């Protein structure tokens, strides 16, 4: 089974407060995330092993953006990778 059989995907934008490592300017940036929401029921072609996996699944967010441009100095910097997936 594919992950798309269990989840619906929906893109969304969320603000994140980040500081530029070059000029130390802190600002809120709009970061692109994808929300994976568990479907309400299993697909009809699921086997019993998939049923057990489906019951343990949870909704989560996955961050798509890795880099942002500073609003002051216009340099590109990397978003810290300690939070690229969040369970809801």
PDB file of N, CA and C in Angstrom:
ATOM      1  N   UNK A   1       0.840  -1.187   0.000  1.00  0.00           N
ATOM      2  CA  UNK A   1       0.000   0.000   0.000  1.00  0.00           C
ATOM      3  C   UNK A   1       0.887   1.253   0.000  1.00  0.00           C
ATOM      4  N   UNK A   2       0.426   2.252  -0.656  1.00  0.00           N
ATOM      5  CA  UNK A   2       1.127   3.524  -0.743  1.00  0.00           C
ATOM      6  C   UNK A   2       0.626   4.456   0.366  1.00  0.00           C
ATOM      7  N   UNK A   3       1.453   5.397   0.783  1.00  0.00           N
ATOM      8  CA  UNK A   3       1.063   6.335   1.836  1.00  0.00           C
ATOM      9  C   UNK A   3      -0.129   7.191   1.413  1.00  0.00           C
ATOM     10  N   UNK A   4      -0.250   7.451   0.134  1.00  0.00           N
ATOM     11  CA  UNK A   4      -1.380   8.250  -0.364  1.00  0.00           C
ATOM     12  C   UNK A   4      -2.710   7.528  -0.228  1.00  0.00           C
ATOM     13  N   UNK A   5      -2.683   6.221  -0.035  1.00  0.00           N
ATOM     14  CA  UNK A   5      -3.921   5.477   0.199  1.00  0.00           C
ATOM     15  C   UNK A   5      -4.461   5.721   1.602  1.00  0.00           C
ATOM     16  N   UNK A   6      -3.598   6.124   2.536  1.00  0.00           N
ATOM     17  CA  UNK A   6      -3.995   6.316   3.933  1.00  0.00           C
ATOM     18  C   UNK A   6      -4.221   7.780   4.299  1.00  0.00           C
ATOM     19  N   UNK A   7      -3.592   8.722   3.573  1.00  0.00           N
ATOM     20  CA  UNK A   7      -3.620  10.142   3.933  1.00  0.00           C
ATOM     21  C   UNK A   7      -4.131  10.995   2.785  1.00  0.00           C
ATOM     22  N   UNK A   8      -4.707  12.142   3.137  1.00  0.00           N
ATOM     23  CA  UNK A   8      -4.979  13.192   2.163  1.00  0.00           C
ATOM     24  C   UNK A   8      -3.964  14.298   2.395  1.00  0.00           C
ATOM     25  N   UNK A   9      -3.463  14.871   1.321  1.00  0.00           N
ATOM     26  CA  UNK A   9      -2.435  15.908   1.394  1.00  0.00           C
ATOM     27  C   UNK A   9      -3.047  17.264   1.092  1.00  0.00           C
ATOM     28  N   UNK A  10      -2.645  18.267   1.887  1.00  0.00           N
ATOM     29  CA  UNK A  10      -3.145  19.623   1.674  1.00  0.00           C
ATOM     30  C   UNK A  10      -2.017  20.607   1.978  1.00  0.00           C
ATOM     31  N   UNK A  11      -1.614  21.427   0.990  1.00  0.00           N
ATOM     32  CA  UNK A  11      -0.553  22.407   1.252  1.00  0.00           C
ATOM     33  C   UNK A  11      -1.082  23.568   2.099  1.00  0.00           C
ATOM     34  N   UNK A  12      -0.208  24.128   2.940  1.00  0.00           N
ATOM     35  CA  UNK A  12      -0.572  25.304   3.729  1.00  0.00           C
ATOM     36  C   UNK A  12       0.678  26.094   4.074  1.00  0.00           C
ATOM     37  N   UNK A  13       0.458  27.367   4.394  1.00  0.00           N
ATOM     38  CA  UNK A  13       1.539  28.273   4.760  1.00  0.00           C
ATOM     39  C   UNK A  13       1.387  28.626   6.233  1.00  0.00           C
ATOM     40  N   UNK A  14       2.509  28.588   6.968  1.00  0.00           N
ATOM     41  CA  UNK A  14       2.507  28.933   8.388  1.00  0.00           C
ATOM     42  C   UNK A  14       3.653  29.901   8.661  1.00  0.00           C
ATOM     43  N   UNK A  15       3.433  30.883   9.537  1.00  0.00           N
ATOM     44  CA  UNK A  15       4.531  31.798   9.870  1.00  0.00           C
ATOM     45  C   UNK A  15       5.513  31.143  10.835  1.00  0.00           C
ATOM     46  N   UNK A  16       6.788  31.469  10.653  1.00  0.00           N
ATOM     47  CA  UNK A  16       7.831  30.964  11.540  1.00  0.00           C
ATOM     48  C   UNK A  16       8.807  32.099  11.807  1.00  0.00           C
ATOM     49  N   UNK A  17       9.133  32.318  13.057  1.00  0.00           N
ATOM     50  CA  UNK A  17      10.060  33.374  13.434  1.00  0.00           C
ATOM     51  C   UNK A  17      11.493  32.838  13.341  1.00  0.00           C
ATOM     52  N   UNK A  18      12.287  33.449  12.453  1.00  0.00           N
ATOM     53  CA  UNK A  18      13.657  33.012  12.219  1.00  0.00           C
ATOM     54  C   UNK A  18      14.602  34.203  12.275  1.00  0.00           C
ATOM     55  N   UNK A  19      15.846  33.944  12.632  1.00  0.00           N
ATOM     56  CA  UNK A  19      16.876  34.980  12.662  1.00  0.00           C
ATOM     57  C   UNK A  19      17.921  34.674  11.601  1.00  0.00           C
ATOM     58  N   UNK A  20      18.283  35.686  10.846  1.00  0.00           N
ATOM     59  CA  UNK A  20      19.311  35.541   9.818  1.00  0.00           C
ATOM     60  C   UNK A  20      20.668  35.342  10.500  1.00  0.00           C
ATOM     61  N   UNK A  21      21.445  34.338  10.115  1.00  0.00           N
ATOM     62  CA  UNK A  21      22.750  34.123  10.751  1.00  0.00           C
ATOM     63  C   UNK A  21      23.795  35.182  10.364  1.00  0.00           C
ATOM     64  N   UNK A  22      23.579  35.924   9.283  1.00  0.00           N
ATOM     65  CA  UNK A  22      24.552  36.937   8.841  1.00  0.00           C
ATOM     66  C   UNK A  22      24.334  38.272   9.548  1.00  0.00           C
ATOM     67  N   UNK A  23      23.094  38.806   9.453  1.00  0.00           N
ATOM     68  CA  UNK A  23      22.845  40.143  10.011  1.00  0.00           C
ATOM     69  C   UNK A  23      22.083  40.106  11.340  1.00  0.00           C
ATOM     70  N   UNK A  24      21.705  38.931  11.798  1.00  0.00           N
ATOM     71  CA  UNK A  24      21.003  38.735  13.079  1.00  0.00           C
ATOM     72  C   UNK A  24      19.620  39.382  13.135  1.00  0.00           C
ATOM     73  N   UNK A  25      19.049  39.688  11.979  1.00  0.00           N
ATOM     74  CA  UNK A  25      17.705  40.282  11.934  1.00  0.00           C
ATOM     75  C   UNK A  25      16.673  39.175  12.119  1.00  0.00           C
ATOM     76  N   UNK A  26      15.758  39.368  13.087  1.00  0.00           N
ATOM     77  CA  UNK A  26      14.704  38.383  13.350  1.00  0.00           C
ATOM     78  C   UNK A  26      13.412  38.872  12.710  1.00  0.00           C
ATOM     79  N   UNK A  27      12.735  37.955  11.991  1.00  0.00           N
ATOM     80  CA  UNK A  27      11.495  38.306  11.315  1.00  0.00           C
ATOM     81  C   UNK A  27      10.639  37.054  11.186  1.00  0.00           C
ATOM     82  N   UNK A  28       9.357  37.256  10.871  1.00  0.00           N
ATOM     83  CA  UNK A  28       8.444  36.144  10.609  1.00  0.00           C
ATOM     84  C   UNK A  28       8.425  35.872   9.111  1.00  0.00           C
ATOM     85  N   UNK A  29       8.636  34.613   8.747  1.00  0.00           N
ATOM     86  CA  UNK A  29       8.649  34.197   7.351  1.00  0.00           C
ATOM     87  C   UNK A  29       7.532  33.186   7.131  1.00  0.00           C
ATOM     88  N   UNK A  30       6.895  33.253   5.958  1.00  0.00           N
ATOM     89  CA  UNK A  30       5.858  32.293   5.604  1.00  0.00           C
ATOM     90  C   UNK A  30       6.541  31.039   5.049  1.00  0.00           C
ATOM     91  N   UNK A  31       6.341  29.916   5.728  1.00  0.00           N
ATOM     92  CA  UNK A  31       6.974  28.648   5.367  1.00  0.00           C
ATOM     93  C   UNK A  31       5.905  27.704   4.822  1.00  0.00           C
ATOM     94  N   UNK A  32       6.247  27.003   3.734  1.00  0.00           N
ATOM     95  CA  UNK A  32       5.306  26.081   3.106  1.00  0.00           C
ATOM     96  C   UNK A  32       5.383  24.710   3.789  1.00  0.00           C
ATOM     97  N   UNK A  33       4.222  24.213   4.217  1.00  0.00           N
ATOM     98  CA  UNK A  33       4.085  22.901   4.832  1.00  0.00           C
ATOM     99  C   UNK A  33       3.052  22.099   4.046  1.00  0.00           C
ATOM    100  N   UNK A  34       3.084  20.780   4.191  1.00  0.00           N
ATOM    101  CA  UNK A  34       2.044  19.911   3.652  1.00  0.00           C
ATOM    102  C   UNK A  34       1.421  19.178   4.833  1.00  0.00           C
ATOM    103  N   UNK A  35       0.090  19.295   4.952  1.00  0.00           N
ATOM    104  CA  UNK A  35      -0.632  18.634   6.029  1.00  0.00           C
ATOM    105  C   UNK A  35      -1.126  17.278   5.514  1.00  0.00           C
ATOM    106  N   UNK A  36      -0.715  16.205   6.214  1.00  0.00           N
ATOM    107  CA  UNK A  36      -1.168  14.859   5.903  1.00  0.00           C
ATOM    108  C   UNK A  36      -2.229  14.480   6.931  1.00  0.00           C
ATOM    109  N   UNK A  37      -3.470  14.338   6.464  1.00  0.00           N
ATOM    110  CA  UNK A  37      -4.588  14.019   7.335  1.00  0.00           C
ATOM    111  C   UNK A  37      -5.035  12.585   7.059  1.00  0.00           C
ATOM    112  N   UNK A  38      -5.150  11.815   8.122  1.00  0.00           N
ATOM    113  CA  UNK A  38      -5.546  10.411   7.995  1.00  0.00           C
ATOM    114  C   UNK A  38      -6.976  10.327   7.461  1.00  0.00           C
ATOM    115  N   UNK A  39      -7.179   9.449   6.483  1.00  0.00           N
ATOM    116  CA  UNK A  39      -8.518   9.263   5.922  1.00  0.00           C
ATOM    117  C   UNK A  39      -9.427   8.607   6.964  1.00  0.00           C
ATOM    118  N   UNK A  40     -10.719   8.806   6.805  1.00  0.00           N
ATOM    119  CA  UNK A  40     -11.647   8.287   7.806  1.00  0.00           C
ATOM    120  C   UNK A  40     -11.843   6.774   7.720  1.00  0.00           C
ATOM    121  N   UNK A  41     -11.564   6.174   6.559  1.00  0.00           N
ATOM    122  CA  UNK A  41     -11.667   4.712   6.465  1.00  0.00           C
ATOM    123  C   UNK A  41     -10.616   4.155   5.513  1.00  0.00           C
ATOM    124  N   UNK A  42     -10.358   2.871   5.666  1.00  0.00           N
ATOM    125  CA  UNK A  42      -9.371   2.181   4.832  1.00  0.00           C
ATOM    126  C   UNK A  42      -9.858   2.080   3.392  1.00  0.00           C
ATOM    127  N   UNK A  43      -8.932   2.026   2.427  1.00  0.00           N
ATOM    128  CA  UNK A  43      -9.340   1.750   1.046  1.00  0.00           C
ATOM    129  C   UNK A  43      -9.867   0.314   0.936  1.00  0.00           C
ATOM    130  N   UNK A  44     -10.722   0.037  -0.033  1.00  0.00           N
ATOM    131  CA  UNK A  44     -11.338  -1.295  -0.128  1.00  0.00           C
ATOM    132  C   UNK A  44     -10.355  -2.437  -0.413  1.00  0.00           C
ATOM    133  N   UNK A  45      -9.193  -2.151  -0.996  1.00  0.00           N
ATOM    134  CA  UNK A  45      -8.239  -3.222  -1.334  1.00  0.00           C
ATOM    135  C   UNK A  45      -7.194  -3.457  -0.247  1.00  0.00           C
ATOM    136  N   UNK A  46      -7.454  -3.035   0.988  1.00  0.00           N
ATOM    137  CA  UNK A  46      -6.487  -3.181   2.089  1.00  0.00           C
ATOM    138  C   UNK A  46      -6.512  -4.600   2.654  1.00  0.00           C
ATOM    139  N   UNK A  47      -5.343  -5.107   3.037  1.00  0.00           N
ATOM    140  CA  UNK A  47      -5.255  -6.431   3.658  1.00  0.00           C
ATOM    141  C   UNK A  47      -5.207  -6.276   5.181  1.00  0.00           C
ATOM    142  N   UNK A  48      -5.288  -7.358   5.953  1.00  0.00           N
ATOM    143  CA  UNK A  48      -5.307  -7.253   7.425  1.00  0.00           C
ATOM    144  C   UNK A  48      -4.069  -6.589   8.024  1.00  0.00           C
ATOM    145  N   UNK A  49      -2.892  -6.750   7.426  1.00  0.00           N
ATOM    146  CA  UNK A  49      -1.689  -6.100   7.950  1.00  0.00           C
ATOM    147  C   UNK A  49      -1.803  -4.581   7.809  1.00  0.00           C
ATOM    148  N   UNK A  50      -2.424  -4.127   6.721  1.00  0.00           N
ATOM    149  CA  UNK A  50      -2.623  -2.693   6.527  1.00  0.00           C
ATOM    150  C   UNK A  50      -3.616  -2.131   7.535  1.00  0.00           C
ATOM    151  N   UNK A  51      -4.570  -2.921   7.956  1.00  0.00           N
ATOM    152  CA  UNK A  51      -5.559  -2.470   8.935  1.00  0.00           C
ATOM    153  C   UNK A  51      -4.887  -2.131  10.268  1.00  0.00           C
ATOM    154  N   UNK A  52      -3.943  -2.952  10.697  1.00  0.00           N
ATOM    155  CA  UNK A  52      -3.231  -2.698  11.950  1.00  0.00           C
ATOM    156  C   UNK A  52      -2.376  -1.431  11.839  1.00  0.00           C
ATOM    157  N   UNK A  53      -1.718  -1.225  10.698  1.00  0.00           N
ATOM    158  CA  UNK A  53      -0.924  -0.021  10.484  1.00  0.00           C
ATOM    159  C   UNK A  53      -1.811   1.220  10.473  1.00  0.00           C
ATOM    160  N   UNK A  54      -2.975   1.108   9.830  1.00  0.00           N
ATOM    161  CA  UNK A  54      -3.877   2.243   9.689  1.00  0.00           C
ATOM    162  C   UNK A  54      -4.358   2.761  11.043  1.00  0.00           C
ATOM    163  N   UNK A  55      -4.606   1.874  11.978  1.00  0.00           N
ATOM    164  CA  UNK A  55      -5.103   2.287  13.293  1.00  0.00           C
ATOM    165  C   UNK A  55      -4.040   3.046  14.097  1.00  0.00           C
ATOM    166  N   UNK A  56      -2.756   2.819  13.813  1.00  0.00           N
ATOM    167  CA  UNK A  56      -1.677   3.490  14.545  1.00  0.00           C
ATOM    168  C   UNK A  56      -1.283   4.832  13.934  1.00  0.00           C
ATOM    169  N   UNK A  57      -1.752   5.136  12.744  1.00  0.00           N
ATOM    170  CA  UNK A  57      -1.344   6.362  12.053  1.00  0.00           C
ATOM    171  C   UNK A  57      -1.915   7.609  12.712  1.00  0.00           C
ATOM    172  N   UNK A  58      -1.146   8.728  12.592  1.00  0.00           N
ATOM    173  CA  UNK A  58      -1.587  10.026  13.118  1.00  0.00           C
ATOM    174  C   UNK A  58      -1.402  11.092  12.047  1.00  0.00           C
ATOM    175  N   UNK A  59      -2.133  12.184  12.184  1.00  0.00           N
ATOM    176  CA  UNK A  59      -1.966  13.330  11.290  1.00  0.00           C
ATOM    177  C   UNK A  59      -0.610  13.979  11.551  1.00  0.00           C
ATOM    178  N   UNK A  60      -0.011  14.561  10.491  1.00  0.00           N
ATOM    179  CA  UNK A  60       1.262  15.239  10.676  1.00  0.00           C
ATOM    180  C   UNK A  60       1.464  16.313   9.620  1.00  0.00           C
ATOM    181  N   UNK A  61       2.393  17.223   9.909  1.00  0.00           N
ATOM    182  CA  UNK A  61       2.820  18.272   8.986  1.00  0.00           C
ATOM    183  C   UNK A  61       4.245  17.979   8.544  1.00  0.00           C
ATOM    184  N   UNK A  62       4.532  18.233   7.261  1.00  0.00           N
ATOM    185  CA  UNK A  62       5.872  18.057   6.725  1.00  0.00           C
ATOM    186  C   UNK A  62       6.299  19.376   6.072  1.00  0.00           C
ATOM    187  N   UNK A  63       7.453  19.908   6.476  1.00  0.00           N
ATOM    188  CA  UNK A  63       7.933  21.182   5.942  1.00  0.00           C
ATOM    189  C   UNK A  63       8.558  20.992   4.566  1.00  0.00           C
ATOM    190  N   UNK A  64       8.127  21.813   3.606  1.00  0.00           N
ATOM    191  CA  UNK A  64       8.634  21.722   2.242  1.00  0.00           C
ATOM    192  C   UNK A  64       9.784  22.705   1.990  1.00  0.00           C
ATOM    193  N   UNK A  65       9.755  23.874   2.615  1.00  0.00           N
ATOM    194  CA  UNK A  65      10.803  24.880   2.409  1.00  0.00           C
ATOM    195  C   UNK A  65      12.027  24.561   3.256  1.00  0.00           C
ATOM    196  N   UNK A  66      13.195  24.682   2.653  1.00  0.00           N
ATOM    197  CA  UNK A  66      14.453  24.484   3.366  1.00  0.00           C
ATOM    198  C   UNK A  66      15.250  25.774   3.505  1.00  0.00           C
ATOM    199  N   UNK A  67      14.999  26.729   2.620  1.00  0.00           N
ATOM    200  CA  UNK A  67      15.757  27.977   2.601  1.00  0.00           C
ATOM    201  C   UNK A  67      14.781  29.155   2.534  1.00  0.00           C
ATOM    202  N   UNK A  68      15.182  30.289   3.135  1.00  0.00           N
ATOM    203  CA  UNK A  68      14.430  31.540   3.039  1.00  0.00           C
ATOM    204  C   UNK A  68      15.413  32.674   2.773  1.00  0.00           C
ATOM    205  N   UNK A  69      14.899  33.791   2.257  1.00  0.00           N
ATOM    206  CA  UNK A  69      15.707  34.975   2.016  1.00  0.00           C
ATOM    207  C   UNK A  69      15.462  35.982   3.131  1.00  0.00           C
ATOM    208  N   UNK A  70      16.529  36.511   3.673  1.00  0.00           N
ATOM    209  CA  UNK A  70      16.431  37.501   4.740  1.00  0.00           C
ATOM    210  C   UNK A  70      15.714  38.739   4.212  1.00  0.00           C
ATOM    211  N   UNK A  71      14.825  39.304   5.015  1.00  0.00           N
ATOM    212  CA  UNK A  71      14.080  40.480   4.576  1.00  0.00           C
ATOM    213  C   UNK A  71      14.917  41.757   4.645  1.00  0.00           C
ATOM    214  N   UNK A  72      16.020  41.739   5.382  1.00  0.00           N
ATOM    215  CA  UNK A  72      16.875  42.935   5.483  1.00  0.00           C
ATOM    216  C   UNK A  72      18.060  42.862   4.524  1.00  0.00           C
ATOM    217  N   UNK A  73      18.904  41.847   4.652  1.00  0.00           N
ATOM    218  CA  UNK A  73      20.124  41.789   3.842  1.00  0.00           C
ATOM    219  C   UNK A  73      19.943  40.995   2.546  1.00  0.00           C
ATOM    220  N   UNK A  74      18.786  40.351   2.371  1.00  0.00           N
ATOM    221  CA  UNK A  74      18.436  39.599   1.148  1.00  0.00           C
ATOM    222  C   UNK A  74      19.299  38.370   0.905  1.00  0.00           C
ATOM    223  N   UNK A  75      20.062  37.942   1.897  1.00  0.00           N
ATOM    224  CA  UNK A  75      20.857  36.715   1.746  1.00  0.00           C
ATOM    225  C   UNK A  75      19.976  35.515   2.034  1.00  0.00           C
ATOM    226  N   UNK A  76      20.309  34.443   1.394  1.00  0.00           N
ATOM    227  CA  UNK A  76      19.557  33.199   1.554  1.00  0.00           C
ATOM    228  C   UNK A  76      20.183  32.402   2.688  1.00  0.00           C
ATOM    229  N   UNK A  77      19.328  31.894   3.602  1.00  0.00           N
ATOM    230  CA  UNK A  77      19.847  31.067   4.685  1.00  0.00           C
ATOM    231  C   UNK A  77      18.935  29.870   4.912  1.00  0.00           C
ATOM    232  N   UNK A  78      19.525  28.855   5.515  1.00  0.00           N
ATOM    233  CA  UNK A  78      18.835  27.587   5.718  1.00  0.00           C
ATOM    234  C   UNK A  78      17.988  27.634   6.989  1.00  0.00           C
ATOM    235  N   UNK A  79      16.806  27.037   6.909  1.00  0.00           N
ATOM    236  CA  UNK A  79      15.944  26.900   8.081  1.00  0.00           C
ATOM    237  C   UNK A  79      16.521  25.769   8.923  1.00  0.00           C
ATOM    238  N   UNK A  80      16.660  25.947  10.237  1.00  0.00           N
ATOM    239  CA  UNK A  80      17.174  24.847  11.074  1.00  0.00           C
ATOM    240  C   UNK A  80      16.320  23.594  10.902  1.00  0.00           C
ATOM    241  N   UNK A  81      16.967  22.464  10.746  1.00  0.00           N
ATOM    242  CA  UNK A  81      16.256  21.235  10.387  1.00  0.00           C
ATOM    243  C   UNK A  81      15.769  20.430  11.591  1.00  0.00           C
ATOM    244  N   UNK A  82      15.763  21.008  12.778  1.00  0.00           N
ATOM    245  CA  UNK A  82      15.313  20.252  13.941  1.00  0.00           C
ATOM    246  C   UNK A  82      13.803  20.056  13.953  1.00  0.00           C
ATOM    247  N   UNK A  83      13.066  20.742  13.052  1.00  0.00           N
ATOM    248  CA  UNK A  83      11.616  20.610  13.045  1.00  0.00           C
ATOM    249  C   UNK A  83      11.119  20.579  11.597  1.00  0.00           C
ATOM    250  N   UNK A  84      11.335  19.465  10.913  1.00  0.00           N
ATOM    251  CA  UNK A  84      10.833  19.375   9.552  1.00  0.00           C
ATOM    252  C   UNK A  84       9.591  18.495   9.447  1.00  0.00           C
ATOM    253  N   UNK A  85       9.254  17.797  10.542  1.00  0.00           N
ATOM    254  CA  UNK A  85       8.022  17.032  10.595  1.00  0.00           C
ATOM    255  C   UNK A  85       7.425  17.184  11.987  1.00  0.00           C
ATOM    256  N   UNK A  86       6.110  17.453  12.049  1.00  0.00           N
ATOM    257  CA  UNK A  86       5.437  17.679  13.318  1.00  0.00           C
ATOM    258  C   UNK A  86       4.181  16.818  13.371  1.00  0.00           C
ATOM    259  N   UNK A  87       4.060  16.003  14.410  1.00  0.00           N
ATOM    260  CA  UNK A  87       2.836  15.230  14.600  1.00  0.00           C
ATOM    261  C   UNK A  87       1.780  16.119  15.239  1.00  0.00           C
ATOM    262  N   UNK A  88       0.544  15.953  14.810  1.00  0.00           N
ATOM    263  CA  UNK A  88      -0.556  16.755  15.349  1.00  0.00           C
ATOM    264  C   UNK A  88      -1.376  15.974  16.330  1.00  0.00           C
TER     265      UNK A  88
END
